[in-house]
Amino acid sequence: RGLVVLSKDPSMAESIRSLTQSLMDL
C-alpha cells in the first residue's frame, strides 16, 4: 500500500524500478 502511494510520485520512479524483480516474484 505504501509502495502504491510512492509509485504515484514520478520522482520515485527510478528508485521503485530497483524493486521490479522482487515485485515480479511476489
PDB file of all heavy atoms in Angstrom:
ATOM      1  N   ARG A   1       0.843  -1.207   0.000  1.00  0.00           N
ATOM      2  CA  ARG A   1       0.000   0.000   0.000  1.00  0.00           C
ATOM      3  C   ARG A   1       0.873   1.250   0.000  1.00  0.00           C
ATOM      4  O   ARG A   1       0.591   2.218  -0.708  1.00  0.00           O
ATOM      5  CB  ARG A   1      -0.926   0.003   1.219  1.00  0.00           C
ATOM      6  CG  ARG A   1      -2.180  -0.816   1.015  1.00  0.00           C
ATOM      7  CD  ARG A   1      -3.200  -0.662   2.128  1.00  0.00           C
ATOM      8  NE  ARG A   1      -3.453   0.722   2.483  1.00  0.00           N
ATOM      9  CZ  ARG A   1      -3.660   1.140   3.743  1.00  0.00           C
ATOM     10  NH1 ARG A   1      -3.638   0.281   4.743  1.00  0.00           N
ATOM     11  NH2 ARG A   1      -3.904   2.410   3.991  1.00  0.00           N
ATOM     12  N   GLY A   2       1.942   1.219   0.798  1.00  0.00           N
ATOM     13  CA  GLY A   2       2.876   2.341   0.824  1.00  0.00           C
ATOM     14  C   GLY A   2       3.569   2.512  -0.513  1.00  0.00           C
ATOM     15  O   GLY A   2       3.779   3.630  -0.991  1.00  0.00           O
ATOM     16  N   LEU A   3       3.915   1.394  -1.135  1.00  0.00           N
ATOM     17  CA  LEU A   3       4.582   1.438  -2.435  1.00  0.00           C
ATOM     18  C   LEU A   3       3.653   1.993  -3.515  1.00  0.00           C
ATOM     19  O   LEU A   3       4.097   2.709  -4.408  1.00  0.00           O
ATOM     20  CB  LEU A   3       5.062   0.036  -2.802  1.00  0.00           C
ATOM     21  CG  LEU A   3       6.256  -0.081  -3.708  1.00  0.00           C
ATOM     22  CD1 LEU A   3       7.420   0.755  -3.217  1.00  0.00           C
ATOM     23  CD2 LEU A   3       6.678  -1.533  -3.826  1.00  0.00           C
ATOM     24  N   VAL A   4       2.373   1.690  -3.424  1.00  0.00           N
ATOM     25  CA  VAL A   4       1.400   2.249  -4.371  1.00  0.00           C
ATOM     26  C   VAL A   4       1.387   3.769  -4.248  1.00  0.00           C
ATOM     27  O   VAL A   4       1.406   4.483  -5.256  1.00  0.00           O
ATOM     28  CB  VAL A   4      -0.022   1.667  -4.143  1.00  0.00           C
ATOM     29  CG1 VAL A   4      -1.071   2.451  -4.908  1.00  0.00           C
ATOM     30  CG2 VAL A   4      -0.062   0.195  -4.545  1.00  0.00           C
ATOM     31  N   VAL A   5       1.396   4.265  -3.020  1.00  0.00           N
ATOM     32  CA  VAL A   5       1.412   5.722  -2.801  1.00  0.00           C
ATOM     33  C   VAL A   5       2.691   6.321  -3.373  1.00  0.00           C
ATOM     34  O   VAL A   5       2.658   7.324  -4.086  1.00  0.00           O
ATOM     35  CB  VAL A   5       1.271   6.047  -1.300  1.00  0.00           C
ATOM     36  CG1 VAL A   5       1.472   7.534  -1.049  1.00  0.00           C
ATOM     37  CG2 VAL A   5      -0.079   5.596  -0.779  1.00  0.00           C
ATOM     38  N   LEU A   6       3.837   5.704  -3.066  1.00  0.00           N
ATOM     39  CA  LEU A   6       5.118   6.224  -3.557  1.00  0.00           C
ATOM     40  C   LEU A   6       5.214   6.163  -5.077  1.00  0.00           C
ATOM     41  O   LEU A   6       5.808   7.033  -5.703  1.00  0.00           O
ATOM     42  CB  LEU A   6       6.284   5.447  -2.939  1.00  0.00           C
ATOM     43  CG  LEU A   6       6.543   5.671  -1.456  1.00  0.00           C
ATOM     44  CD1 LEU A   6       7.656   4.744  -0.973  1.00  0.00           C
ATOM     45  CD2 LEU A   6       6.890   7.120  -1.170  1.00  0.00           C
ATOM     46  N   SER A   7       4.624   5.140  -5.680  1.00  0.00           N
ATOM     47  CA  SER A   7       4.738   4.974  -7.132  1.00  0.00           C
ATOM     48  C   SER A   7       3.961   6.029  -7.904  1.00  0.00           C
ATOM     49  O   SER A   7       4.181   6.209  -9.104  1.00  0.00           O
ATOM     50  CB  SER A   7       4.276   3.572  -7.549  1.00  0.00           C
ATOM     51  OG  SER A   7       2.889   3.406  -7.343  1.00  0.00           O
ATOM     52  N   LYS A   8       3.088   6.745  -7.242  1.00  0.00           N
ATOM     53  CA  LYS A   8       2.348   7.829  -7.904  1.00  0.00           C
ATOM     54  C   LYS A   8       3.217   9.063  -8.102  1.00  0.00           C
ATOM     55  O   LYS A   8       2.882   9.929  -8.898  1.00  0.00           O
ATOM     56  CB  LYS A   8       1.110   8.190  -7.093  1.00  0.00           C
ATOM     57  CG  LYS A   8       0.067   7.083  -7.092  1.00  0.00           C
ATOM     58  CD  LYS A   8      -1.103   7.443  -6.205  1.00  0.00           C
ATOM     59  CE  LYS A   8      -2.086   6.275  -6.148  1.00  0.00           C
ATOM     60  NZ  LYS A   8      -3.182   6.553  -5.219  1.00  0.00           N
ATOM     61  N   ASP A   9       4.335   9.132  -7.377  1.00  0.00           N
ATOM     62  CA  ASP A   9       5.248  10.274  -7.462  1.00  0.00           C
ATOM     63  C   ASP A   9       6.299   9.989  -8.538  1.00  0.00           C
ATOM     64  O   ASP A   9       7.107   9.066  -8.386  1.00  0.00           O
ATOM     65  CB  ASP A   9       5.911  10.500  -6.106  1.00  0.00           C
ATOM     66  CG  ASP A   9       6.840  11.694  -6.088  1.00  0.00           C
ATOM     67  OD1 ASP A   9       7.030  12.343  -7.137  1.00  0.00           O
ATOM     68  OD2 ASP A   9       7.391  11.980  -5.009  1.00  0.00           O
ATOM     69  N   PRO A  10       6.317  10.739  -9.639  1.00  0.00           N
ATOM     70  CA  PRO A  10       7.273  10.498 -10.724  1.00  0.00           C
ATOM     71  C   PRO A  10       8.740  10.547 -10.278  1.00  0.00           C
ATOM     72  O   PRO A  10       9.585   9.877 -10.852  1.00  0.00           O
ATOM     73  CB  PRO A  10       6.986  11.606 -11.737  1.00  0.00           C
ATOM     74  CG  PRO A  10       5.616  12.081 -11.422  1.00  0.00           C
ATOM     75  CD  PRO A  10       5.405  11.851  -9.960  1.00  0.00           C
ATOM     76  N   SER A  11       9.032  11.309  -9.236  1.00  0.00           N
ATOM     77  CA  SER A  11      10.418  11.396  -8.769  1.00  0.00           C
ATOM     78  C   SER A  11      10.894  10.096  -8.112  1.00  0.00           C
ATOM     79  O   SER A  11      12.087   9.893  -7.928  1.00  0.00           O
ATOM     80  CB  SER A  11      10.589  12.565  -7.795  1.00  0.00           C
ATOM     81  OG  SER A  11       9.894  12.316  -6.588  1.00  0.00           O
ATOM     82  N   MET A  12       9.974   9.211  -7.782  1.00  0.00           N
ATOM     83  CA  MET A  12      10.318   7.935  -7.144  1.00  0.00           C
ATOM     84  C   MET A  12      10.476   6.803  -8.159  1.00  0.00           C
ATOM     85  O   MET A  12      10.844   5.695  -7.793  1.00  0.00           O
ATOM     86  CB  MET A  12       9.226   7.540  -6.136  1.00  0.00           C
ATOM     87  CG  MET A  12       9.134   8.436  -4.939  1.00  0.00           C
ATOM     88  SD  MET A  12      10.630   8.376  -3.936  1.00  0.00           S
ATOM     89  CE  MET A  12      10.701   6.668  -3.485  1.00  0.00           C
ATOM     90  N   ALA A  13      10.206   7.084  -9.417  1.00  0.00           N
ATOM     91  CA  ALA A  13      10.177   6.033 -10.441  1.00  0.00           C
ATOM     92  C   ALA A  13      11.462   5.214 -10.487  1.00  0.00           C
ATOM     93  O   ALA A  13      11.420   3.984 -10.486  1.00  0.00           O
ATOM     94  CB  ALA A  13       9.886   6.643 -11.805  1.00  0.00           C
ATOM     95  N   GLU A  14      12.592   5.870 -10.523  1.00  0.00           N
ATOM     96  CA  GLU A  14      13.871   5.151 -10.633  1.00  0.00           C
ATOM     97  C   GLU A  14      14.129   4.282  -9.413  1.00  0.00           C
ATOM     98  O   GLU A  14      14.579   3.142  -9.525  1.00  0.00           O
ATOM     99  CB  GLU A  14      15.012   6.153 -10.830  1.00  0.00           C
ATOM    100  CG  GLU A  14      16.317   5.506 -11.231  1.00  0.00           C
ATOM    101  CD  GLU A  14      16.232   4.806 -12.581  1.00  0.00           C
ATOM    102  OE1 GLU A  14      15.578   5.332 -13.494  1.00  0.00           O
ATOM    103  OE2 GLU A  14      16.829   3.719 -12.716  1.00  0.00           O
ATOM    104  N   SER A  15      13.840   4.798  -8.245  1.00  0.00           N
ATOM    105  CA  SER A  15      14.056   4.033  -7.011  1.00  0.00           C
ATOM    106  C   SER A  15      13.155   2.807  -6.951  1.00  0.00           C
ATOM    107  O   SER A  15      13.584   1.728  -6.559  1.00  0.00           O
ATOM    108  CB  SER A  15      13.803   4.912  -5.787  1.00  0.00           C
ATOM    109  OG  SER A  15      14.656   6.019  -5.783  1.00  0.00           O
ATOM    110  N   ILE A  16      11.909   2.982  -7.340  1.00  0.00           N
ATOM    111  CA  ILE A  16      10.964   1.859  -7.289  1.00  0.00           C
ATOM    112  C   ILE A  16      11.298   0.826  -8.353  1.00  0.00           C
ATOM    113  O   ILE A  16      11.100  -0.373  -8.146  1.00  0.00           O
ATOM    114  CB  ILE A  16       9.519   2.373  -7.416  1.00  0.00           C
ATOM    115  CG1 ILE A  16       9.169   3.185  -6.163  1.00  0.00           C
ATOM    116  CG2 ILE A  16       8.539   1.229  -7.600  1.00  0.00           C
ATOM    117  CD1 ILE A  16       7.836   3.850  -6.198  1.00  0.00           C
ATOM    118  N   ARG A  17      11.848   1.273  -9.475  1.00  0.00           N
ATOM    119  CA  ARG A  17      12.229   0.333 -10.533  1.00  0.00           C
ATOM    120  C   ARG A  17      13.247  -0.693 -10.039  1.00  0.00           C
ATOM    121  O   ARG A  17      13.308  -1.804 -10.549  1.00  0.00           O
ATOM    122  CB  ARG A  17      12.781   1.088 -11.731  1.00  0.00           C
ATOM    123  CG  ARG A  17      12.010   0.755 -12.981  1.00  0.00           C
ATOM    124  CD  ARG A  17      12.445   1.560 -14.181  1.00  0.00           C
ATOM    125  NE  ARG A  17      11.465   2.621 -14.357  1.00  0.00           N
ATOM    126  CZ  ARG A  17      11.765   3.904 -14.488  1.00  0.00           C
ATOM    127  NH1 ARG A  17      13.003   4.299 -14.507  1.00  0.00           N
ATOM    128  NH2 ARG A  17      10.815   4.794 -14.629  1.00  0.00           N
ATOM    129  N   SER A  18      14.020  -0.332  -9.030  1.00  0.00           N
ATOM    130  CA  SER A  18      15.002  -1.277  -8.485  1.00  0.00           C
ATOM    131  C   SER A  18      14.327  -2.448  -7.784  1.00  0.00           C
ATOM    132  O   SER A  18      14.958  -3.472  -7.534  1.00  0.00           O
ATOM    133  CB  SER A  18      15.953  -0.559  -7.520  1.00  0.00           C
ATOM    134  OG  SER A  18      15.252  -0.135  -6.364  1.00  0.00           O
ATOM    135  N   LEU A  19      13.050  -2.327  -7.488  1.00  0.00           N
ATOM    136  CA  LEU A  19      12.300  -3.406  -6.827  1.00  0.00           C
ATOM    137  C   LEU A  19      11.541  -4.294  -7.810  1.00  0.00           C
ATOM    138  O   LEU A  19      10.799  -5.178  -7.392  1.00  0.00           O
ATOM    139  CB  LEU A  19      11.300  -2.802  -5.834  1.00  0.00           C
ATOM    140  CG  LEU A  19      11.882  -1.970  -4.700  1.00  0.00           C
ATOM    141  CD1 LEU A  19      10.761  -1.310  -3.915  1.00  0.00           C
ATOM    142  CD2 LEU A  19      12.753  -2.818  -3.805  1.00  0.00           C
ATOM    143  N   THR A  20      11.725  -4.060  -9.092  1.00  0.00           N
ATOM    144  CA  THR A  20      10.945  -4.772 -10.117  1.00  0.00           C
ATOM    145  C   THR A  20      11.010  -6.286  -9.961  1.00  0.00           C
ATOM    146  O   THR A  20       9.982  -6.963  -9.977  1.00  0.00           O
ATOM    147  CB  THR A  20      11.405  -4.362 -11.532  1.00  0.00           C
ATOM    148  OG1 THR A  20      11.192  -2.958 -11.689  1.00  0.00           O
ATOM    149  CG2 THR A  20      10.659  -5.121 -12.607  1.00  0.00           C
ATOM    150  N   GLN A  21      12.201  -6.839  -9.797  1.00  0.00           N
ATOM    151  CA  GLN A  21      12.329  -8.294  -9.708  1.00  0.00           C
ATOM    152  C   GLN A  21      11.626  -8.837  -8.464  1.00  0.00           C
ATOM    153  O   GLN A  21      10.935  -9.849  -8.531  1.00  0.00           O
ATOM    154  CB  GLN A  21      13.811  -8.709  -9.712  1.00  0.00           C
ATOM    155  CG  GLN A  21      14.010 -10.205  -9.836  1.00  0.00           C
ATOM    156  CD  GLN A  21      13.373 -10.786 -11.090  1.00  0.00           C
ATOM    157  OE1 GLN A  21      13.590 -10.305 -12.184  1.00  0.00           O
ATOM    158  NE2 GLN A  21      12.564 -11.818 -10.924  1.00  0.00           N
ATOM    159  N   SER A  22      11.782  -8.160  -7.338  1.00  0.00           N
ATOM    160  CA  SER A  22      11.109  -8.600  -6.107  1.00  0.00           C
ATOM    161  C   SER A  22       9.592  -8.573  -6.279  1.00  0.00           C
ATOM    162  O   SER A  22       8.889  -9.488  -5.842  1.00  0.00           O
ATOM    163  CB  SER A  22      11.483  -7.689  -4.936  1.00  0.00           C
ATOM    164  OG  SER A  22      12.843  -7.739  -4.689  1.00  0.00           O
ATOM    165  N   LEU A  23       9.107  -7.530  -6.924  1.00  0.00           N
ATOM    166  CA  LEU A  23       7.667  -7.425  -7.148  1.00  0.00           C
ATOM    167  C   LEU A  23       7.171  -8.491  -8.107  1.00  0.00           C
ATOM    168  O   LEU A  23       6.096  -9.065  -7.909  1.00  0.00           O
ATOM    169  CB  LEU A  23       7.315  -6.028  -7.665  1.00  0.00           C
ATOM    170  CG  LEU A  23       7.521  -4.887  -6.665  1.00  0.00           C
ATOM    171  CD1 LEU A  23       7.315  -3.543  -7.348  1.00  0.00           C
ATOM    172  CD2 LEU A  23       6.598  -5.028  -5.480  1.00  0.00           C
ATOM    173  N   MET A  24       7.943  -8.787  -9.148  1.00  0.00           N
ATOM    174  CA  MET A  24       7.527  -9.836 -10.094  1.00  0.00           C
ATOM    175  C   MET A  24       7.481 -11.191  -9.395  1.00  0.00           C
ATOM    176  O   MET A  24       6.596 -11.995  -9.674  1.00  0.00           O
ATOM    177  CB  MET A  24       8.457  -9.877 -11.300  1.00  0.00           C
ATOM    178  CG  MET A  24       8.109  -8.822 -12.313  1.00  0.00           C
ATOM    179  SD  MET A  24       8.805  -9.088 -13.944  1.00  0.00           S
ATOM    180  CE  MET A  24      10.513  -8.745 -13.668  1.00  0.00           C
ATOM    181  N   ASP A  25       8.405 -11.435  -8.491  1.00  0.00           N
ATOM    182  CA  ASP A  25       8.391 -12.691  -7.740  1.00  0.00           C
ATOM    183  C   ASP A  25       7.136 -12.802  -6.876  1.00  0.00           C
ATOM    184  O   ASP A  25       6.567 -13.884  -6.728  1.00  0.00           O
ATOM    185  CB  ASP A  25       9.638 -12.809  -6.864  1.00  0.00           C
ATOM    186  CG  ASP A  25      10.917 -12.942  -7.680  1.00  0.00           C
ATOM    187  OD1 ASP A  25      10.835 -13.272  -8.890  1.00  0.00           O
ATOM    188  OD2 ASP A  25      12.007 -12.700  -7.114  1.00  0.00           O
ATOM    189  N   LEU A  26       6.713 -11.676  -6.317  1.00  0.00           N
ATOM    190  CA  LEU A  26       5.523 -11.674  -5.460  1.00  0.00           C
ATOM    191  C   LEU A  26       4.216 -11.782  -6.247  1.00  0.00           C
ATOM    192  O   LEU A  26       3.170 -12.037  -5.662  1.00  0.00           O
ATOM    193  CB  LEU A  26       5.495 -10.407  -4.607  1.00  0.00           C
ATOM    194  CG  LEU A  26       6.470 -10.345  -3.439  1.00  0.00           C
ATOM    195  CD1 LEU A  26       6.440  -8.966  -2.798  1.00  0.00           C
ATOM    196  CD2 LEU A  26       6.142 -11.412  -2.412  1.00  0.00           C
TER     197      LEU A  26
END
